[in-house]
Amino acid sequence: MQKLSIIIVNYKGWEALRACLDSLAAYKSAIIEFEVIVVDNCSNDGFFTVFKTDFPLFTFIENSGNNGFANGCNLGAKQATSDLYLFLNPDTVIYKDSLDKYITDYIKNSDIAILSCLQVDENNSFYKQKNRFPTFFSFFGISRAFYKRLFKNKIEKSFKL
């Protein structure tokens, strides 16, 4: 059985997080044993303790501040017990067999270091995500600002179905 650590970074996204955690709690697999680690970036709104009670099988970590997604990911990874991580946004819902496919694809392609997934809307249609990885011009601060201004229509169009 393959072990997987699922790390979710949250900041005041409790409604979406509930749907995500419900989908993970209901997920059944014969090939994956997974843990769920939720890092809350100091939402400080009282829901942290509610969620810890509602989802006792999951690990909850309260960050010292809203220190960003990467910081939350690193904090969660430090608590992980697996060598295989899946980082999720709190608005992710896990569909039947999706984690099994993730693991199967990883095992088939053991030279893969990073996998990503396609986003699906409520109609099971894939969002247009081709060529959305950063380029030299879209990665750095000042050049990214110019890039976004110069190609605003192209960027907006690529996210519409």
N, C-alpha and C. Protein backbone atom coordinates (compact mmCIF):
# COMPACT_ATOMS: atom_id res chain seq x y z
N MET A 1 0.84 -1.18 0.00
CA MET A 1 0.00 0.00 0.00
C MET A 1 0.89 1.24 0.00
N GLN A 2 0.58 2.20 -0.87
CA GLN A 2 1.34 3.44 -0.99
C GLN A 2 0.87 4.46 0.03
N LYS A 3 1.80 5.11 0.70
CA LYS A 3 1.47 6.18 1.65
C LYS A 3 1.52 7.53 0.94
N LEU A 4 0.60 8.40 1.31
CA LEU A 4 0.49 9.73 0.71
C LEU A 4 0.16 10.73 1.81
N SER A 5 0.86 11.85 1.81
CA SER A 5 0.56 12.95 2.73
C SER A 5 -0.11 14.06 1.93
N ILE A 6 -1.34 14.38 2.30
CA ILE A 6 -2.11 15.44 1.64
C ILE A 6 -2.05 16.67 2.54
N ILE A 7 -1.54 17.75 1.99
CA ILE A 7 -1.35 18.98 2.75
C ILE A 7 -2.22 20.08 2.14
N ILE A 8 -3.05 20.67 2.98
CA ILE A 8 -3.98 21.72 2.54
C ILE A 8 -3.69 22.97 3.34
N VAL A 9 -3.48 24.08 2.66
CA VAL A 9 -3.25 25.36 3.33
C VAL A 9 -4.54 26.18 3.22
N ASN A 10 -5.01 26.65 4.36
CA ASN A 10 -6.27 27.36 4.43
C ASN A 10 -6.08 28.75 5.02
N TYR A 11 -6.85 29.69 4.51
CA TYR A 11 -6.98 31.00 5.16
C TYR A 11 -8.41 31.48 4.94
N LYS A 12 -9.23 31.34 5.96
CA LYS A 12 -10.63 31.77 5.95
C LYS A 12 -11.45 31.16 4.82
N GLY A 13 -11.08 29.99 4.37
CA GLY A 13 -11.83 29.29 3.32
C GLY A 13 -12.59 28.11 3.87
N TRP A 14 -13.24 28.29 4.99
CA TRP A 14 -13.82 27.17 5.74
C TRP A 14 -14.92 26.44 4.99
N GLU A 15 -15.78 27.15 4.30
CA GLU A 15 -16.87 26.48 3.59
C GLU A 15 -16.31 25.55 2.50
N ALA A 16 -15.40 26.06 1.72
CA ALA A 16 -14.77 25.24 0.68
C ALA A 16 -13.95 24.12 1.31
N LEU A 17 -13.26 24.42 2.39
CA LEU A 17 -12.45 23.41 3.07
C LEU A 17 -13.32 22.27 3.56
N ARG A 18 -14.50 22.57 4.06
CA ARG A 18 -15.39 21.51 4.53
C ARG A 18 -15.73 20.53 3.40
N ALA A 19 -16.05 21.05 2.23
CA ALA A 19 -16.36 20.18 1.09
C ALA A 19 -15.14 19.34 0.73
N CYS A 20 -13.96 19.94 0.77
CA CYS A 20 -12.72 19.22 0.47
C CYS A 20 -12.50 18.10 1.48
N LEU A 21 -12.59 18.42 2.76
CA LEU A 21 -12.35 17.41 3.80
C LEU A 21 -13.42 16.32 3.79
N ASP A 22 -14.67 16.69 3.51
CA ASP A 22 -15.72 15.69 3.38
C ASP A 22 -15.40 14.70 2.26
N SER A 23 -14.90 15.23 1.14
CA SER A 23 -14.57 14.34 0.01
C SER A 23 -13.40 13.42 0.36
N LEU A 24 -12.45 13.93 1.12
CA LEU A 24 -11.32 13.09 1.54
C LEU A 24 -11.75 12.06 2.59
N ALA A 25 -12.63 12.45 3.50
CA ALA A 25 -13.11 11.52 4.52
C ALA A 25 -13.90 10.37 3.90
N ALA A 26 -14.57 10.64 2.78
CA ALA A 26 -15.37 9.62 2.11
C ALA A 26 -14.56 8.77 1.13
N TYR A 27 -13.33 9.17 0.84
CA TYR A 27 -12.53 8.48 -0.18
C TYR A 27 -12.08 7.11 0.32
N LYS A 28 -12.33 6.11 -0.48
CA LYS A 28 -11.92 4.74 -0.17
C LYS A 28 -10.96 4.24 -1.24
N SER A 29 -9.89 3.59 -0.82
CA SER A 29 -8.89 3.10 -1.75
C SER A 29 -8.30 1.80 -1.24
N ALA A 30 -8.01 0.91 -2.18
CA ALA A 30 -7.33 -0.34 -1.83
C ALA A 30 -5.82 -0.22 -2.00
N ILE A 31 -5.35 0.88 -2.61
CA ILE A 31 -3.92 1.00 -2.89
C ILE A 31 -3.24 2.16 -2.17
N ILE A 32 -4.04 3.04 -1.53
CA ILE A 32 -3.47 4.23 -0.90
C ILE A 32 -3.88 4.29 0.57
N GLU A 33 -2.90 4.60 1.38
CA GLU A 33 -3.14 4.98 2.77
C GLU A 33 -2.69 6.43 2.86
N PHE A 34 -3.59 7.32 3.25
CA PHE A 34 -3.19 8.73 3.25
C PHE A 34 -3.51 9.41 4.57
N GLU A 35 -2.73 10.44 4.83
CA GLU A 35 -2.98 11.33 5.96
C GLU A 35 -3.32 12.70 5.39
N VAL A 36 -4.11 13.45 6.14
CA VAL A 36 -4.47 14.79 5.73
C VAL A 36 -3.97 15.76 6.79
N ILE A 37 -3.22 16.75 6.33
CA ILE A 37 -2.67 17.78 7.21
C ILE A 37 -3.20 19.12 6.72
N VAL A 38 -3.94 19.80 7.59
CA VAL A 38 -4.49 21.11 7.26
C VAL A 38 -3.70 22.16 8.03
N VAL A 39 -3.13 23.10 7.30
CA VAL A 39 -2.42 24.22 7.92
C VAL A 39 -3.30 25.45 7.75
N ASP A 40 -3.73 26.01 8.87
CA ASP A 40 -4.52 27.24 8.80
C ASP A 40 -3.59 28.42 9.02
N ASN A 41 -3.59 29.32 8.06
CA ASN A 41 -2.72 30.50 8.12
C ASN A 41 -3.32 31.58 9.00
N CYS A 42 -3.62 31.21 10.24
CA CYS A 42 -4.06 32.15 11.27
C CYS A 42 -5.33 32.90 10.87
N SER A 43 -6.37 32.13 10.46
CA SER A 43 -7.65 32.76 10.12
C SER A 43 -8.22 33.51 11.31
N ASN A 44 -7.95 33.00 12.50
CA ASN A 44 -8.30 33.69 13.74
C ASN A 44 -9.77 34.10 13.78
N ASP A 45 -10.66 33.16 13.39
CA ASP A 45 -12.08 33.46 13.35
C ASP A 45 -12.93 32.44 14.11
N GLY A 46 -12.28 31.55 14.87
CA GLY A 46 -12.99 30.59 15.69
C GLY A 46 -13.31 29.26 15.02
N PHE A 47 -13.12 29.15 13.72
CA PHE A 47 -13.46 27.91 13.03
C PHE A 47 -12.41 26.81 13.16
N PHE A 48 -11.19 27.18 13.50
CA PHE A 48 -10.11 26.20 13.61
C PHE A 48 -10.48 25.08 14.58
N THR A 49 -10.94 25.42 15.76
CA THR A 49 -11.28 24.40 16.76
C THR A 49 -12.52 23.60 16.33
N VAL A 50 -13.46 24.23 15.65
CA VAL A 50 -14.64 23.53 15.15
C VAL A 50 -14.21 22.43 14.17
N PHE A 51 -13.31 22.77 13.26
CA PHE A 51 -12.87 21.80 12.25
C PHE A 51 -12.03 20.69 12.87
N LYS A 52 -11.24 21.02 13.87
CA LYS A 52 -10.47 19.98 14.57
C LYS A 52 -11.42 18.97 15.20
N THR A 53 -12.52 19.43 15.71
CA THR A 53 -13.52 18.55 16.32
C THR A 53 -14.28 17.76 15.26
N ASP A 54 -14.66 18.42 14.17
CA ASP A 54 -15.45 17.78 13.11
C ASP A 54 -14.66 16.75 12.31
N PHE A 55 -13.34 16.90 12.24
CA PHE A 55 -12.50 15.99 11.46
C PHE A 55 -11.35 15.47 12.33
N PRO A 56 -11.66 14.62 13.31
CA PRO A 56 -10.65 14.17 14.27
C PRO A 56 -9.56 13.28 13.68
N LEU A 57 -9.78 12.70 12.51
CA LEU A 57 -8.77 11.82 11.91
C LEU A 57 -7.72 12.61 11.13
N PHE A 58 -7.94 13.90 10.95
CA PHE A 58 -7.02 14.74 10.22
C PHE A 58 -6.19 15.57 11.19
N THR A 59 -4.99 15.94 10.76
CA THR A 59 -4.09 16.76 11.57
C THR A 59 -4.30 18.24 11.23
N PHE A 60 -4.44 19.07 12.24
CA PHE A 60 -4.63 20.50 12.04
C PHE A 60 -3.48 21.25 12.72
N ILE A 61 -2.89 22.17 11.96
CA ILE A 61 -1.79 22.99 12.46
C ILE A 61 -2.19 24.45 12.30
N GLU A 62 -2.06 25.21 13.36
CA GLU A 62 -2.35 26.63 13.28
C GLU A 62 -1.05 27.39 13.09
N ASN A 63 -0.92 28.07 11.95
CA ASN A 63 0.28 28.83 11.64
C ASN A 63 0.32 30.09 12.50
N SER A 64 1.49 30.66 12.66
CA SER A 64 1.67 31.84 13.51
C SER A 64 1.13 33.11 12.88
N GLY A 65 0.86 33.08 11.59
CA GLY A 65 0.33 34.24 10.89
C GLY A 65 -0.07 33.83 9.49
N ASN A 66 -0.59 34.78 8.72
CA ASN A 66 -0.90 34.51 7.32
C ASN A 66 0.40 34.65 6.54
N ASN A 67 1.22 33.62 6.64
CA ASN A 67 2.58 33.67 6.11
C ASN A 67 2.71 33.17 4.68
N GLY A 68 1.60 32.96 4.01
CA GLY A 68 1.63 32.59 2.60
C GLY A 68 1.48 31.10 2.38
N PHE A 69 1.14 30.77 1.14
CA PHE A 69 0.88 29.38 0.75
C PHE A 69 2.14 28.52 0.90
N ALA A 70 3.26 28.99 0.41
CA ALA A 70 4.49 28.20 0.45
C ALA A 70 4.92 27.91 1.89
N ASN A 71 4.81 28.91 2.75
CA ASN A 71 5.15 28.71 4.15
C ASN A 71 4.25 27.65 4.77
N GLY A 72 2.95 27.72 4.48
CA GLY A 72 2.01 26.73 4.98
C GLY A 72 2.32 25.34 4.47
N CYS A 73 2.68 25.24 3.19
CA CYS A 73 3.06 23.95 2.61
C CYS A 73 4.27 23.37 3.32
N ASN A 74 5.27 24.20 3.56
CA ASN A 74 6.48 23.73 4.25
C ASN A 74 6.18 23.30 5.67
N LEU A 75 5.33 24.04 6.35
CA LEU A 75 4.96 23.69 7.72
C LEU A 75 4.23 22.34 7.75
N GLY A 76 3.33 22.13 6.81
CA GLY A 76 2.63 20.85 6.71
C GLY A 76 3.56 19.71 6.34
N ALA A 77 4.48 19.96 5.42
CA ALA A 77 5.41 18.92 4.99
C ALA A 77 6.32 18.47 6.14
N LYS A 78 6.64 19.37 7.05
CA LYS A 78 7.46 19.00 8.20
C LYS A 78 6.76 17.97 9.09
N GLN A 79 5.44 17.99 9.09
CA GLN A 79 4.66 17.05 9.91
C GLN A 79 4.31 15.77 9.16
N ALA A 80 4.54 15.75 7.85
CA ALA A 80 4.14 14.61 7.02
C ALA A 80 4.95 13.37 7.35
N THR A 81 4.31 12.22 7.23
CA THR A 81 4.98 10.95 7.50
C THR A 81 5.28 10.17 6.23
N SER A 82 4.90 10.70 5.09
CA SER A 82 5.14 10.03 3.80
C SER A 82 6.21 10.79 3.03
N ASP A 83 6.80 10.11 2.07
CA ASP A 83 7.75 10.76 1.16
C ASP A 83 7.05 11.32 -0.07
N LEU A 84 5.76 11.06 -0.18
CA LEU A 84 4.97 11.49 -1.33
C LEU A 84 3.93 12.49 -0.85
N TYR A 85 3.99 13.73 -1.39
CA TYR A 85 3.10 14.80 -0.95
C TYR A 85 2.13 15.18 -2.06
N LEU A 86 0.94 15.56 -1.63
CA LEU A 86 -0.05 16.17 -2.52
C LEU A 86 -0.50 17.46 -1.86
N PHE A 87 -0.19 18.59 -2.48
CA PHE A 87 -0.57 19.89 -1.95
C PHE A 87 -1.88 20.32 -2.61
N LEU A 88 -2.87 20.63 -1.80
CA LEU A 88 -4.17 21.01 -2.32
C LEU A 88 -4.58 22.38 -1.82
N ASN A 89 -5.35 23.08 -2.63
CA ASN A 89 -6.04 24.27 -2.19
C ASN A 89 -7.31 23.81 -1.47
N PRO A 90 -7.83 24.60 -0.54
CA PRO A 90 -9.02 24.16 0.20
C PRO A 90 -10.28 24.05 -0.65
N ASP A 91 -10.30 24.63 -1.83
CA ASP A 91 -11.49 24.53 -2.68
C ASP A 91 -11.43 23.33 -3.63
N THR A 92 -10.59 22.36 -3.32
CA THR A 92 -10.47 21.15 -4.13
C THR A 92 -11.44 20.09 -3.60
N VAL A 93 -12.11 19.41 -4.52
CA VAL A 93 -12.95 18.28 -4.15
C VAL A 93 -12.37 17.06 -4.85
N ILE A 94 -12.18 16.01 -4.09
CA ILE A 94 -11.57 14.78 -4.62
C ILE A 94 -12.67 13.89 -5.16
N TYR A 95 -12.55 13.51 -6.42
CA TYR A 95 -13.52 12.63 -7.06
C TYR A 95 -13.10 11.17 -6.91
N LYS A 96 -14.04 10.29 -7.13
CA LYS A 96 -13.81 8.85 -7.05
C LYS A 96 -12.62 8.45 -7.92
N ASP A 97 -11.72 7.69 -7.36
CA ASP A 97 -10.54 7.14 -8.03
C ASP A 97 -9.47 8.16 -8.42
N SER A 98 -9.66 9.44 -8.15
CA SER A 98 -8.68 10.43 -8.58
C SER A 98 -7.34 10.26 -7.88
N LEU A 99 -7.34 9.97 -6.59
CA LEU A 99 -6.08 9.75 -5.88
C LEU A 99 -5.42 8.46 -6.34
N ASP A 100 -6.22 7.44 -6.61
CA ASP A 100 -5.65 6.18 -7.11
C ASP A 100 -4.96 6.40 -8.45
N LYS A 101 -5.59 7.20 -9.31
CA LYS A 101 -4.97 7.50 -10.60
C LYS A 101 -3.69 8.29 -10.41
N TYR A 102 -3.70 9.22 -9.48
CA TYR A 102 -2.51 10.02 -9.17
C TYR A 102 -1.36 9.08 -8.77
N ILE A 103 -1.62 8.16 -7.88
CA ILE A 103 -0.60 7.23 -7.41
C ILE A 103 -0.17 6.29 -8.53
N THR A 104 -1.13 5.78 -9.28
CA THR A 104 -0.81 4.86 -10.39
C THR A 104 0.08 5.55 -11.42
N ASP A 105 -0.26 6.79 -11.77
CA ASP A 105 0.57 7.54 -12.72
C ASP A 105 1.95 7.80 -12.16
N TYR A 106 2.05 8.06 -10.87
CA TYR A 106 3.34 8.29 -10.24
C TYR A 106 4.19 7.03 -10.27
N ILE A 107 3.58 5.92 -9.91
CA ILE A 107 4.32 4.66 -9.89
C ILE A 107 4.77 4.25 -11.28
N LYS A 108 3.92 4.46 -12.29
CA LYS A 108 4.28 4.13 -13.67
C LYS A 108 5.44 4.98 -14.16
N ASN A 109 5.52 6.20 -13.68
CA ASN A 109 6.53 7.17 -14.12
C ASN A 109 7.37 7.59 -12.93
N SER A 110 8.15 6.67 -12.40
CA SER A 110 8.85 6.92 -11.15
C SER A 110 9.92 8.01 -11.26
N ASP A 111 10.22 8.48 -12.46
CA ASP A 111 11.19 9.55 -12.59
C ASP A 111 10.52 10.93 -12.46
N ILE A 112 9.23 10.94 -12.25
CA ILE A 112 8.49 12.20 -12.07
C ILE A 112 8.74 12.73 -10.67
N ALA A 113 9.07 14.00 -10.58
CA ALA A 113 9.28 14.63 -9.28
C ALA A 113 8.08 15.47 -8.88
N ILE A 114 7.39 16.08 -9.86
CA ILE A 114 6.24 16.93 -9.56
C ILE A 114 5.13 16.60 -10.54
N LEU A 115 3.94 16.38 -10.01
CA LEU A 115 2.75 16.18 -10.84
C LEU A 115 1.79 17.31 -10.57
N SER A 116 0.97 17.61 -11.54
CA SER A 116 -0.08 18.58 -11.37
C SER A 116 -1.37 17.96 -11.86
N CYS A 117 -2.46 18.62 -11.63
CA CYS A 117 -3.74 18.08 -12.09
C CYS A 117 -4.46 19.14 -12.91
N LEU A 118 -5.41 18.68 -13.71
CA LEU A 118 -6.26 19.59 -14.45
C LEU A 118 -7.45 19.94 -13.58
N GLN A 119 -7.91 21.17 -13.67
CA GLN A 119 -9.07 21.58 -12.91
C GLN A 119 -10.33 21.30 -13.71
N VAL A 120 -11.36 20.85 -13.00
CA VAL A 120 -12.63 20.52 -13.62
C VAL A 120 -13.71 21.37 -12.96
N ASP A 121 -14.63 21.88 -13.77
CA ASP A 121 -15.73 22.66 -13.19
C ASP A 121 -16.87 21.73 -12.79
N GLU A 122 -17.99 22.31 -12.35
CA GLU A 122 -19.11 21.50 -11.87
C GLU A 122 -19.75 20.64 -12.96
N ASN A 123 -19.46 20.90 -14.23
CA ASN A 123 -19.98 20.11 -15.35
C ASN A 123 -18.97 19.07 -15.84
N ASN A 124 -17.91 18.85 -15.07
CA ASN A 124 -16.82 17.95 -15.44
C ASN A 124 -16.13 18.36 -16.73
N SER A 125 -16.09 19.66 -17.00
CA SER A 125 -15.36 20.19 -18.14
C SER A 125 -14.02 20.72 -17.64
N PHE A 126 -12.96 20.45 -18.39
CA PHE A 126 -11.64 20.92 -17.98
C PHE A 126 -11.50 22.40 -18.29
N TYR A 127 -10.90 23.13 -17.34
CA TYR A 127 -10.55 24.52 -17.60
C TYR A 127 -9.41 24.54 -18.60
N LYS A 128 -9.34 25.61 -19.38
CA LYS A 128 -8.23 25.76 -20.33
C LYS A 128 -6.99 26.16 -19.53
N GLN A 129 -6.04 25.27 -19.41
CA GLN A 129 -4.88 25.54 -18.58
C GLN A 129 -3.57 25.39 -19.33
N LYS A 130 -3.62 25.22 -20.62
CA LYS A 130 -2.39 25.01 -21.37
C LYS A 130 -1.51 26.26 -21.31
N ASN A 131 -0.24 26.03 -21.20
CA ASN A 131 0.76 27.10 -21.22
C ASN A 131 0.56 28.13 -20.11
N ARG A 132 0.10 27.71 -18.96
CA ARG A 132 -0.09 28.64 -17.86
C ARG A 132 1.09 28.61 -16.90
N PHE A 133 2.10 27.83 -17.19
CA PHE A 133 3.27 27.81 -16.33
C PHE A 133 4.05 29.10 -16.53
N PRO A 134 4.73 29.55 -15.51
CA PRO A 134 5.47 30.81 -15.63
C PRO A 134 6.54 30.75 -16.71
N THR A 135 6.72 31.87 -17.33
CA THR A 135 7.81 32.05 -18.28
C THR A 135 8.78 33.04 -17.65
N PHE A 136 9.87 33.29 -18.32
CA PHE A 136 10.83 34.27 -17.81
C PHE A 136 10.16 35.62 -17.56
N PHE A 137 9.27 36.01 -18.50
CA PHE A 137 8.64 37.33 -18.40
C PHE A 137 7.49 37.37 -17.40
N SER A 138 6.88 36.23 -17.10
CA SER A 138 5.73 36.25 -16.20
C SER A 138 6.07 35.80 -14.79
N PHE A 139 7.32 35.50 -14.52
CA PHE A 139 7.70 34.96 -13.22
C PHE A 139 8.14 36.03 -12.23
N PHE A 140 8.89 37.00 -12.66
CA PHE A 140 9.46 37.99 -11.75
C PHE A 140 8.55 39.21 -11.62
N GLY A 141 8.58 39.86 -10.46
CA GLY A 141 7.68 40.93 -10.08
C GLY A 141 7.43 42.01 -11.11
N ILE A 142 8.43 42.79 -11.45
CA ILE A 142 8.24 43.92 -12.36
C ILE A 142 7.89 43.43 -13.76
N SER A 143 8.62 42.43 -14.24
CA SER A 143 8.32 41.93 -15.58
C SER A 143 6.94 41.28 -15.62
N ARG A 144 6.52 40.65 -14.50
CA ARG A 144 5.19 40.04 -14.43
C ARG A 144 4.12 41.13 -14.53
N ALA A 145 4.32 42.25 -13.88
CA ALA A 145 3.36 43.35 -13.95
C ALA A 145 3.20 43.85 -15.39
N PHE A 146 4.31 44.03 -16.09
CA PHE A 146 4.25 44.45 -17.49
C PHE A 146 3.59 43.37 -18.35
N TYR A 147 3.96 42.13 -18.11
CA TYR A 147 3.40 41.01 -18.88
C TYR A 147 1.88 40.97 -18.70
N LYS A 148 1.41 41.09 -17.46
CA LYS A 148 -0.02 41.03 -17.19
C LYS A 148 -0.76 42.20 -17.85
N ARG A 149 -0.15 43.36 -17.85
CA ARG A 149 -0.79 44.52 -18.47
C ARG A 149 -0.80 44.38 -19.99
N LEU A 150 0.33 43.94 -20.54
CA LEU A 150 0.46 43.82 -21.99
C LEU A 150 -0.44 42.72 -22.56
N PHE A 151 -0.58 41.61 -21.84
CA PHE A 151 -1.32 40.46 -22.35
C PHE A 151 -2.60 40.20 -21.54
N LYS A 152 -3.19 41.24 -21.00
CA LYS A 152 -4.37 41.10 -20.15
C LYS A 152 -5.49 40.32 -20.82
N ASN A 153 -5.85 40.69 -22.04
CA ASN A 153 -6.94 40.00 -22.74
C ASN A 153 -6.62 38.54 -23.00
N LYS A 154 -5.41 38.25 -23.38
CA LYS A 154 -4.99 36.87 -23.64
C LYS A 154 -5.06 36.03 -22.36
N ILE A 155 -4.62 36.60 -21.26
CA ILE A 155 -4.64 35.89 -19.97
C ILE A 155 -6.07 35.64 -19.54
N GLU A 156 -6.93 36.65 -19.60
CA GLU A 156 -8.33 36.48 -19.22
C GLU A 156 -9.03 35.45 -20.10
N LYS A 157 -8.75 35.50 -21.39
CA LYS A 157 -9.38 34.56 -22.33
C LYS A 157 -8.96 33.12 -22.04
N SER A 158 -7.74 32.90 -21.62
CA SER A 158 -7.27 31.54 -21.38
C SER A 158 -7.94 30.89 -20.18
N PHE A 159 -8.57 31.69 -19.30
CA PHE A 159 -9.24 31.14 -18.14
C PHE A 159 -10.74 31.00 -18.33
N LYS A 160 -11.26 31.38 -19.48
CA LYS A 160 -12.68 31.25 -19.77
C LYS A 160 -12.91 29.97 -20.56
N LEU A 161 -14.05 29.35 -20.29
CA LEU A 161 -14.40 28.12 -21.03
C LEU A 161 -14.98 28.44 -22.36
